[in-house]
C-alpha atoms as a PDB file:
ATOM      1  CA  MET A   1     148.601 258.403  21.751  1.00  0.00           C
ATOM      2  CA  GLU A   2     151.833 256.972  21.973  1.00  0.00           C
ATOM      3  CA  ARG A   3     149.860 253.149  20.965  1.00  0.00           C
ATOM      4  CA  GLY A   4     148.070 254.999  17.610  1.00  0.00           C
ATOM      5  CA  GLU A   5     151.836 256.504  16.385  1.00  0.00           C
ATOM      6  CA  ASN A   6     153.072 252.664  16.807  1.00  0.00           C
ATOM      7  CA  VAL A   7     150.616 251.082  14.768  1.00  0.00           C
ATOM      8  CA  LYS A   8     151.558 254.095  12.295  1.00  0.00           C
ATOM      9  CA  GLY A   9     154.970 253.376  12.563  1.00  0.00           C
ATOM     10  CA  VAL A  10     154.494 249.741  12.014  1.00  0.00           C
ATOM     11  CA  ILE A  11     152.098 250.551   8.856  1.00  0.00           C
ATOM     12  CA  ASP A  12     154.668 252.585   7.360  1.00  0.00           C
ATOM     13  CA  ALA A  13     157.440 250.412   7.667  1.00  0.00           C
ATOM     14  CA  LEU A  14     155.404 247.728   6.195  1.00  0.00           C
ATOM     15  CA  ARG A  15     154.377 249.758   3.246  1.00  0.00           C
ATOM     16  CA  ALA A  16     158.186 250.764   2.955  1.00  0.00           C
ATOM     17  CA  GLN A  17     159.020 246.817   2.616  1.00  0.00           C
ATOM     18  CA  PRO A  18     156.114 244.722   1.012  1.00  0.00           C
ATOM     19  CA  LEU A  19     158.658 241.917   0.960  1.00  0.00           C
ATOM     20  CA  MET A  20     158.303 241.833   4.830  1.00  0.00           C
ATOM     21  CA  LEU A  21     154.236 242.421   4.619  1.00  0.00           C
ATOM     22  CA  GLY A  22     154.664 239.329   2.249  1.00  0.00           C
ATOM     23  CA  LEU A  23     156.811 237.067   4.408  1.00  0.00           C
ATOM     24  CA  LEU A  24     154.177 237.792   7.346  1.00  0.00           C
ATOM     25  CA  LEU A  25     151.645 236.907   5.365  1.00  0.00           C
ATOM     26  CA  VAL A  26     153.345 233.434   4.666  1.00  0.00           C
ATOM     27  CA  ILE A  27     154.245 232.925   8.351  1.00  0.00           C
ATOM     28  CA  PHE A  28     150.759 233.078   9.340  1.00  0.00           C
ATOM     29  CA  SER A  29     149.389 231.021   6.772  1.00  0.00           C
ATOM     30  CA  LEU A  30     151.914 228.456   7.559  1.00  0.00           C
ATOM     31  CA  ILE A  31     150.904 228.637  11.244  1.00  0.00           C
ATOM     32  CA  GLY A  32     147.481 228.283  10.513  1.00  0.00           C
ATOM     33  CA  TYR A  33     148.215 225.097   8.134  1.00  0.00           C
ATOM     34  CA  VAL A  34     150.162 223.379  10.695  1.00  0.00           C
ATOM     35  CA  TYR A  35     147.823 224.524  13.422  1.00  0.00           C
ATOM     36  CA  LEU A  36     144.821 222.493  11.415  1.00  0.00           C
ATOM     37  CA  GLN A  37     146.939 219.507  10.133  1.00  0.00           C
ATOM     38  CA  SER A  38     147.814 218.868  13.879  1.00  0.00           C
ATOM     39  CA  SER A  39     143.954 219.320  14.948  1.00  0.00           C
ATOM     40  CA  GLN A  40     143.096 216.750  12.117  1.00  0.00           C
ATOM     41  CA  PHE A  41     145.900 214.633  13.032  1.00  0.00           C
ATOM     42  CA  ASN A  42     144.998 214.649  16.978  1.00  0.00           C
ATOM     43  CA  ASP A  43     140.913 213.994  16.307  1.00  0.00           C
ATOM     44  CA  GLN A  44     142.412 210.859  14.102  1.00  0.00           C
ATOM     45  CA  ARG A  45     144.357 209.732  16.781  1.00  0.00           C
ATOM     46  CA  ALA A  46     141.510 210.042  19.389  1.00  0.00           C
ATOM     47  CA  GLU A  47     139.049 207.764  17.218  1.00  0.00           C
ATOM     48  CA  ASN A  48     141.920 205.493  16.183  1.00  0.00           C
ATOM     49  CA  VAL A  49     142.723 204.751  20.188  1.00  0.00           C
ATOM     50  CA  LYS A  50     139.246 204.454  20.888  1.00  0.00           C
ATOM     51  CA  LEU A  51     138.365 202.212  18.216  1.00  0.00           C
ATOM     52  CA  PHE A  52     141.397 200.107  19.754  1.00  0.00           C
ATOM     53  CA  LEU A  53     140.049 200.281  23.407  1.00  0.00           C
ATOM     54  CA  ASP A  54     136.918 198.743  21.802  1.00  0.00           C
ATOM     55  CA  VAL A  55     138.108 196.014  20.026  1.00  0.00           C
ATOM     56  CA  GLN A  56     140.504 195.042  23.195  1.00  0.00           C
ATOM     57  CA  LYS A  57     137.367 195.016  25.451  1.00  0.00           C
ATOM     58  CA  GLU A  58     135.606 192.894  23.305  1.00  0.00           C
ATOM     59  CA  VAL A  59     138.554 190.242  22.826  1.00  0.00           C
ATOM     60  CA  GLN A  60     138.776 190.287  27.026  1.00  0.00           C
ATOM     61  CA  LYS A  61     134.922 189.823  26.837  1.00  0.00           C
ATOM     62  CA  LEU A  62     135.349 186.737  24.744  1.00  0.00           C
ATOM     63  CA  LEU A  63     138.176 185.526  26.412  1.00  0.00           C
ATOM     64  CA  SER A  64     136.323 185.809  29.489  1.00  0.00           C
ATOM     65  CA  GLN A  65     133.879 183.362  28.326  1.00  0.00           C
ATOM     66  CA  CYS A  66     136.380 180.846  26.773  1.00  0.00           C
ATOM     67  CA  ILE A  67     138.367 179.964  30.514  1.00  0.00           C
ATOM     68  CA  VAL A  68     137.437 177.000  31.889  1.00  0.00           C
ATOM     69  CA  PRO A  69     137.929 177.417  35.909  1.00  0.00           C
ATOM     70  CA  ALA A  70     140.162 174.727  37.443  1.00  0.00           C
ATOM     71  CA  PRO A  71     138.639 172.049  39.734  1.00  0.00           C
ATOM     72  CA  PRO A  72     138.862 173.220  43.196  1.00  0.00           C
ATOM     73  CA  LEU A  73     141.424 171.810  44.956  1.00  0.00           C
ATOM     74  CA  ARG A  74     140.469 169.187  47.949  1.00  0.00           C
END
């Protein structure tokens, strides 16, 4: 029963101070916004890293075809 009493106490406190409820809503919405932005940033960063590695492999392949081997030493 103590858990129920604690919840009632919190609800009564938030009902008595609506500004606190508004602040909690703003804080949680900001946390959600920051999470979404960082998630999108990480997805974009992973895509950029993949593209960079693909280009690097392609350049490496082209360079490996351009190198003329040195003549053997006698």
